[in-house]
Amino acid sequence: EHAVWALLAGGIKVVIAGSFADIFYSNSAKNGLFLISLPKKDLLEIIEKVSEENLELIVDLPSQIVQLPKVSSYSFEVDAFRKYCFMEGVDELDYILSEKEKLKTYWASVERRSFLNGS
């Protein structure tokens, strides 16, 4: 998690790359660092255009697009749960706590049905 913390401490909120290690991906989500994976072709194009013209990248999470204003845009995939958490400003624990009543209802129903399977 130290890598994620260091990026966040440096003011970085989004990292765009070709791929990410599973542990880094997981730690990023838990700590509020958003990761975007793009094809190598798109990454090279972005690097070239940004270095030539000193452009600013815009990440449009609702539309799932990385934009270079007036130049081009690149779509990206994001897990629905991860998108929800970032859009709502919650982490996994906040989400679970927000569903507390639903969880209580579910576990109560499991308990009521436990006699059916001999538990």
N, C-alpha and C. Protein backbone atom coordinates (compact mmCIF):
# COMPACT_ATOMS: atom_id res chain seq x y z
N GLU A 1 0.81 -1.20 0.00
CA GLU A 1 0.00 0.00 0.00
C GLU A 1 0.85 1.26 0.00
N HIS A 2 2.12 1.14 0.32
CA HIS A 2 2.98 2.32 0.39
C HIS A 2 3.08 3.03 -0.96
N ALA A 3 3.09 2.27 -2.04
CA ALA A 3 3.16 2.90 -3.37
C ALA A 3 1.92 3.76 -3.61
N VAL A 4 0.77 3.24 -3.25
CA VAL A 4 -0.48 3.99 -3.42
C VAL A 4 -0.47 5.23 -2.54
N TRP A 5 -0.07 5.07 -1.30
CA TRP A 5 -0.02 6.21 -0.37
C TRP A 5 0.92 7.29 -0.88
N ALA A 6 2.06 6.88 -1.44
CA ALA A 6 3.03 7.86 -1.95
C ALA A 6 2.44 8.64 -3.12
N LEU A 7 1.75 7.96 -4.02
CA LEU A 7 1.13 8.65 -5.15
C LEU A 7 0.07 9.64 -4.67
N LEU A 8 -0.77 9.19 -3.74
CA LEU A 8 -1.81 10.07 -3.21
C LEU A 8 -1.21 11.26 -2.48
N ALA A 9 -0.15 11.03 -1.72
CA ALA A 9 0.51 12.11 -0.99
C ALA A 9 1.11 13.13 -1.95
N GLY A 10 1.46 12.67 -3.14
CA GLY A 10 2.00 13.57 -4.16
C GLY A 10 0.92 14.28 -4.96
N GLY A 11 -0.34 14.07 -4.59
CA GLY A 11 -1.44 14.75 -5.27
C GLY A 11 -1.97 14.03 -6.49
N ILE A 12 -1.51 12.83 -6.73
CA ILE A 12 -1.97 12.06 -7.89
C ILE A 12 -3.25 11.32 -7.51
N LYS A 13 -4.28 11.48 -8.33
CA LYS A 13 -5.57 10.85 -8.05
C LYS A 13 -5.92 9.76 -9.06
N VAL A 14 -5.26 9.81 -10.23
CA VAL A 14 -5.54 8.86 -11.31
C VAL A 14 -4.21 8.42 -11.92
N VAL A 15 -4.10 7.12 -12.19
CA VAL A 15 -2.93 6.60 -12.91
C VAL A 15 -3.45 5.88 -14.15
N ILE A 16 -2.85 6.21 -15.29
CA ILE A 16 -3.22 5.57 -16.56
C ILE A 16 -2.01 4.77 -17.03
N ALA A 17 -2.24 3.48 -17.31
CA ALA A 17 -1.16 2.60 -17.76
C ALA A 17 -1.76 1.48 -18.60
N GLY A 18 -0.89 0.63 -19.10
CA GLY A 18 -1.33 -0.50 -19.90
C GLY A 18 -1.92 -1.62 -19.05
N SER A 19 -1.37 -1.81 -17.86
CA SER A 19 -1.86 -2.84 -16.94
C SER A 19 -1.34 -2.55 -15.54
N PHE A 20 -1.89 -3.27 -14.58
CA PHE A 20 -1.51 -3.08 -13.19
C PHE A 20 -1.41 -4.44 -12.50
N ALA A 21 -0.49 -4.55 -11.56
CA ALA A 21 -0.41 -5.77 -10.74
C ALA A 21 -1.68 -5.86 -9.89
N ASP A 22 -2.15 -7.08 -9.66
CA ASP A 22 -3.39 -7.29 -8.91
C ASP A 22 -3.37 -6.63 -7.54
N ILE A 23 -2.26 -6.76 -6.82
CA ILE A 23 -2.18 -6.19 -5.46
C ILE A 23 -2.24 -4.67 -5.51
N PHE A 24 -1.61 -4.06 -6.50
CA PHE A 24 -1.64 -2.60 -6.66
C PHE A 24 -3.06 -2.16 -7.01
N TYR A 25 -3.71 -2.91 -7.88
CA TYR A 25 -5.09 -2.60 -8.28
C TYR A 25 -6.01 -2.64 -7.06
N SER A 26 -5.87 -3.67 -6.25
CA SER A 26 -6.71 -3.82 -5.06
C SER A 26 -6.43 -2.72 -4.04
N ASN A 27 -5.16 -2.46 -3.77
CA ASN A 27 -4.80 -1.42 -2.80
C ASN A 27 -5.25 -0.04 -3.26
N SER A 28 -5.19 0.20 -4.55
CA SER A 28 -5.61 1.50 -5.09
C SER A 28 -7.08 1.75 -4.81
N ALA A 29 -7.90 0.76 -5.08
CA ALA A 29 -9.34 0.91 -4.86
C ALA A 29 -9.65 1.17 -3.39
N LYS A 30 -8.94 0.50 -2.52
CA LYS A 30 -9.20 0.64 -1.08
C LYS A 30 -8.76 1.99 -0.53
N ASN A 31 -7.87 2.66 -1.26
CA ASN A 31 -7.31 3.91 -0.76
C ASN A 31 -7.68 5.14 -1.58
N GLY A 32 -8.50 4.97 -2.61
CA GLY A 32 -8.99 6.13 -3.36
C GLY A 32 -8.14 6.58 -4.53
N LEU A 33 -7.28 5.71 -5.04
CA LEU A 33 -6.50 6.02 -6.24
C LEU A 33 -7.17 5.32 -7.41
N PHE A 34 -7.58 6.08 -8.42
CA PHE A 34 -8.30 5.50 -9.55
C PHE A 34 -7.32 5.08 -10.63
N LEU A 35 -7.47 3.84 -11.12
CA LEU A 35 -6.59 3.30 -12.15
C LEU A 35 -7.35 3.10 -13.45
N ILE A 36 -6.72 3.49 -14.55
CA ILE A 36 -7.29 3.31 -15.87
C ILE A 36 -6.30 2.53 -16.72
N SER A 37 -6.77 1.45 -17.31
CA SER A 37 -5.94 0.66 -18.20
C SER A 37 -6.34 0.95 -19.64
N LEU A 38 -5.37 1.34 -20.45
CA LEU A 38 -5.61 1.64 -21.86
C LEU A 38 -4.66 0.81 -22.72
N PRO A 39 -5.07 0.53 -23.96
CA PRO A 39 -4.18 -0.19 -24.88
C PRO A 39 -2.90 0.61 -25.14
N LYS A 40 -1.83 -0.11 -25.43
CA LYS A 40 -0.53 0.52 -25.66
C LYS A 40 -0.60 1.59 -26.74
N LYS A 41 -1.33 1.32 -27.80
CA LYS A 41 -1.48 2.28 -28.91
C LYS A 41 -2.03 3.61 -28.40
N ASP A 42 -3.05 3.55 -27.58
CA ASP A 42 -3.66 4.77 -27.02
C ASP A 42 -2.69 5.49 -26.08
N LEU A 43 -1.98 4.71 -25.26
CA LEU A 43 -1.02 5.32 -24.34
C LEU A 43 0.08 6.07 -25.09
N LEU A 44 0.62 5.45 -26.12
CA LEU A 44 1.67 6.09 -26.90
C LEU A 44 1.17 7.36 -27.58
N GLU A 45 -0.06 7.31 -28.07
CA GLU A 45 -0.67 8.49 -28.71
C GLU A 45 -0.85 9.62 -27.69
N ILE A 46 -1.33 9.28 -26.51
CA ILE A 46 -1.52 10.29 -25.46
C ILE A 46 -0.18 10.92 -25.08
N ILE A 47 0.82 10.09 -24.85
CA ILE A 47 2.15 10.60 -24.46
C ILE A 47 2.69 11.53 -25.53
N GLU A 48 2.56 11.14 -26.78
CA GLU A 48 3.06 11.97 -27.88
C GLU A 48 2.34 13.32 -27.93
N LYS A 49 1.02 13.30 -27.85
CA LYS A 49 0.25 14.54 -27.96
C LYS A 49 0.45 15.45 -26.75
N VAL A 50 0.52 14.87 -25.57
CA VAL A 50 0.70 15.69 -24.36
C VAL A 50 2.08 16.32 -24.35
N SER A 51 3.09 15.58 -24.76
CA SER A 51 4.45 16.14 -24.75
C SER A 51 4.64 17.20 -25.83
N GLU A 52 3.94 17.08 -26.96
CA GLU A 52 4.04 18.07 -28.04
C GLU A 52 3.35 19.38 -27.69
N GLU A 53 2.17 19.25 -27.12
CA GLU A 53 1.32 20.44 -26.95
C GLU A 53 1.06 20.82 -25.50
N ASN A 54 1.64 20.10 -24.55
CA ASN A 54 1.42 20.39 -23.14
C ASN A 54 -0.07 20.44 -22.81
N LEU A 55 -0.77 19.41 -23.23
CA LEU A 55 -2.21 19.32 -23.02
C LEU A 55 -2.54 18.73 -21.65
N GLU A 56 -3.73 19.01 -21.20
CA GLU A 56 -4.23 18.45 -19.95
C GLU A 56 -5.18 17.32 -20.26
N LEU A 57 -5.04 16.20 -19.56
CA LEU A 57 -5.97 15.08 -19.70
C LEU A 57 -7.16 15.29 -18.78
N ILE A 58 -8.32 14.93 -19.26
CA ILE A 58 -9.54 14.99 -18.44
C ILE A 58 -10.11 13.58 -18.37
N VAL A 59 -10.36 13.11 -17.15
CA VAL A 59 -10.98 11.81 -16.96
C VAL A 59 -12.45 12.04 -16.65
N ASP A 60 -13.31 11.53 -17.53
CA ASP A 60 -14.76 11.62 -17.37
C ASP A 60 -15.24 10.25 -16.90
N LEU A 61 -15.31 10.07 -15.59
CA LEU A 61 -15.68 8.77 -15.04
C LEU A 61 -17.10 8.35 -15.41
N PRO A 62 -18.11 9.22 -15.31
CA PRO A 62 -19.46 8.78 -15.69
C PRO A 62 -19.53 8.23 -17.12
N SER A 63 -18.81 8.86 -18.04
CA SER A 63 -18.82 8.42 -19.44
C SER A 63 -17.73 7.40 -19.74
N GLN A 64 -16.83 7.20 -18.79
CA GLN A 64 -15.71 6.28 -18.94
C GLN A 64 -14.85 6.66 -20.15
N ILE A 65 -14.43 7.93 -20.16
CA ILE A 65 -13.62 8.45 -21.26
C ILE A 65 -12.47 9.27 -20.70
N VAL A 66 -11.29 9.09 -21.29
CA VAL A 66 -10.14 9.96 -21.05
C VAL A 66 -10.11 10.90 -22.25
N GLN A 67 -10.11 12.21 -21.97
CA GLN A 67 -10.17 13.19 -23.06
C GLN A 67 -8.91 14.05 -23.12
N LEU A 68 -8.49 14.30 -24.34
CA LEU A 68 -7.52 15.35 -24.64
C LEU A 68 -8.37 16.39 -25.34
N PRO A 69 -8.78 17.44 -24.65
CA PRO A 69 -9.71 18.40 -25.23
C PRO A 69 -9.28 18.87 -26.62
N LYS A 70 -10.24 18.89 -27.53
CA LYS A 70 -10.07 19.33 -28.92
C LYS A 70 -9.11 18.45 -29.71
N VAL A 71 -8.71 17.30 -29.16
CA VAL A 71 -7.78 16.43 -29.87
C VAL A 71 -8.38 15.04 -30.08
N SER A 72 -8.60 14.31 -29.00
CA SER A 72 -9.17 12.96 -29.10
C SER A 72 -9.65 12.48 -27.74
N SER A 73 -10.33 11.35 -27.77
CA SER A 73 -10.80 10.75 -26.52
C SER A 73 -10.62 9.24 -26.60
N TYR A 74 -10.53 8.63 -25.43
CA TYR A 74 -10.25 7.20 -25.32
C TYR A 74 -11.18 6.61 -24.28
N SER A 75 -11.90 5.57 -24.67
CA SER A 75 -12.82 4.95 -23.70
C SER A 75 -12.06 3.91 -22.87
N PHE A 76 -12.55 3.71 -21.66
CA PHE A 76 -11.95 2.71 -20.77
C PHE A 76 -13.04 1.95 -20.05
N GLU A 77 -12.70 0.75 -19.63
CA GLU A 77 -13.62 -0.10 -18.87
C GLU A 77 -13.34 0.08 -17.38
N VAL A 78 -14.40 -0.02 -16.60
CA VAL A 78 -14.25 0.02 -15.15
C VAL A 78 -15.33 -0.86 -14.54
N ASP A 79 -14.95 -1.62 -13.53
CA ASP A 79 -15.88 -2.46 -12.81
C ASP A 79 -17.00 -1.60 -12.24
N ALA A 80 -18.24 -2.06 -12.35
CA ALA A 80 -19.40 -1.27 -11.91
C ALA A 80 -19.33 -0.89 -10.43
N PHE A 81 -18.87 -1.81 -9.58
CA PHE A 81 -18.78 -1.52 -8.15
C PHE A 81 -17.72 -0.45 -7.89
N ARG A 82 -16.58 -0.59 -8.54
CA ARG A 82 -15.50 0.40 -8.36
C ARG A 82 -15.97 1.77 -8.84
N LYS A 83 -16.65 1.80 -9.96
CA LYS A 83 -17.18 3.07 -10.49
C LYS A 83 -18.14 3.69 -9.48
N TYR A 84 -19.05 2.88 -8.94
CA TYR A 84 -20.01 3.36 -7.96
C TYR A 84 -19.29 3.97 -6.75
N CYS A 85 -18.30 3.25 -6.24
CA CYS A 85 -17.57 3.73 -5.06
C CYS A 85 -16.89 5.08 -5.33
N PHE A 86 -16.24 5.22 -6.48
CA PHE A 86 -15.56 6.48 -6.78
C PHE A 86 -16.57 7.60 -7.04
N MET A 87 -17.66 7.28 -7.70
CA MET A 87 -18.68 8.31 -7.99
C MET A 87 -19.33 8.80 -6.70
N GLU A 88 -19.53 7.89 -5.75
CA GLU A 88 -20.20 8.23 -4.50
C GLU A 88 -19.23 8.66 -3.40
N GLY A 89 -17.95 8.50 -3.65
CA GLY A 89 -16.95 8.87 -2.65
C GLY A 89 -16.91 7.95 -1.44
N VAL A 90 -17.17 6.66 -1.68
CA VAL A 90 -17.15 5.68 -0.60
C VAL A 90 -16.13 4.59 -0.91
N ASP A 91 -15.67 3.91 0.14
CA ASP A 91 -14.81 2.75 -0.08
C ASP A 91 -15.64 1.49 0.21
N GLU A 92 -15.00 0.33 0.13
CA GLU A 92 -15.72 -0.92 0.32
C GLU A 92 -16.39 -1.00 1.69
N LEU A 93 -15.69 -0.56 2.71
CA LEU A 93 -16.24 -0.61 4.06
C LEU A 93 -17.43 0.32 4.21
N ASP A 94 -17.32 1.53 3.68
CA ASP A 94 -18.46 2.47 3.72
C ASP A 94 -19.68 1.85 3.04
N TYR A 95 -19.45 1.19 1.90
CA TYR A 95 -20.55 0.57 1.17
C TYR A 95 -21.20 -0.53 2.01
N ILE A 96 -20.38 -1.39 2.60
CA ILE A 96 -20.92 -2.48 3.42
C ILE A 96 -21.74 -1.91 4.58
N LEU A 97 -21.21 -0.89 5.23
CA LEU A 97 -21.94 -0.28 6.34
C LEU A 97 -23.24 0.36 5.89
N SER A 98 -23.27 0.88 4.67
CA SER A 98 -24.50 1.49 4.16
C SER A 98 -25.58 0.44 3.87
N GLU A 99 -25.16 -0.80 3.73
CA GLU A 99 -26.09 -1.89 3.43
C GLU A 99 -26.39 -2.73 4.68
N LYS A 100 -26.12 -2.17 5.84
CA LYS A 100 -26.25 -2.89 7.11
C LYS A 100 -27.63 -3.53 7.29
N GLU A 101 -28.67 -2.78 7.04
CA GLU A 101 -30.03 -3.32 7.24
C GLU A 101 -30.33 -4.46 6.28
N LYS A 102 -29.90 -4.33 5.04
CA LYS A 102 -30.10 -5.42 4.07
C LYS A 102 -29.34 -6.67 4.50
N LEU A 103 -28.14 -6.47 5.03
CA LEU A 103 -27.35 -7.62 5.50
C LEU A 103 -28.02 -8.29 6.69
N LYS A 104 -28.56 -7.50 7.61
CA LYS A 104 -29.27 -8.08 8.76
C LYS A 104 -30.46 -8.91 8.29
N THR A 105 -31.22 -8.37 7.34
CA THR A 105 -32.38 -9.08 6.80
C THR A 105 -31.96 -10.38 6.13
N TYR A 106 -30.90 -10.32 5.35
CA TYR A 106 -30.40 -11.52 4.67
C TYR A 106 -30.00 -12.59 5.67
N TRP A 107 -29.18 -12.22 6.66
CA TRP A 107 -28.71 -13.22 7.61
C TRP A 107 -29.84 -13.75 8.48
N ALA A 108 -30.84 -12.94 8.74
CA ALA A 108 -32.01 -13.42 9.49
C ALA A 108 -32.76 -14.46 8.66
N SER A 109 -32.87 -14.23 7.35
CA SER A 109 -33.57 -15.20 6.49
C SER A 109 -32.77 -16.50 6.38
N VAL A 110 -31.46 -16.41 6.37
CA VAL A 110 -30.62 -17.61 6.34
C VAL A 110 -30.83 -18.40 7.62
N GLU A 111 -30.88 -17.70 8.73
CA GLU A 111 -31.09 -18.35 10.02
C GLU A 111 -32.44 -19.05 10.06
N ARG A 112 -33.47 -18.38 9.53
CA ARG A 112 -34.81 -18.97 9.53
C ARG A 112 -34.86 -20.23 8.66
N ARG A 113 -34.10 -20.25 7.59
CA ARG A 113 -34.13 -21.40 6.67
C ARG A 113 -33.16 -22.50 7.08
N SER A 114 -32.33 -22.26 8.06
CA SER A 114 -31.29 -23.23 8.41
C SER A 114 -31.85 -24.58 8.84
N PHE A 115 -33.08 -24.60 9.36
CA PHE A 115 -33.67 -25.86 9.77
C PHE A 115 -33.94 -26.75 8.55
N LEU A 116 -34.08 -26.17 7.37
CA LEU A 116 -34.37 -26.95 6.17
C LEU A 116 -33.20 -27.81 5.73
N ASN A 117 -32.00 -27.37 5.96
CA ASN A 117 -30.83 -28.13 5.52
C ASN A 117 -30.12 -28.84 6.67
N GLY A 118 -30.75 -28.89 7.81
CA GLY A 118 -30.20 -29.61 8.95
C GLY A 118 -29.14 -28.87 9.74
N SER A 119 -28.98 -27.59 9.51
CA SER A 119 -27.96 -26.82 10.25
C SER A 119 -28.47 -26.39 11.59
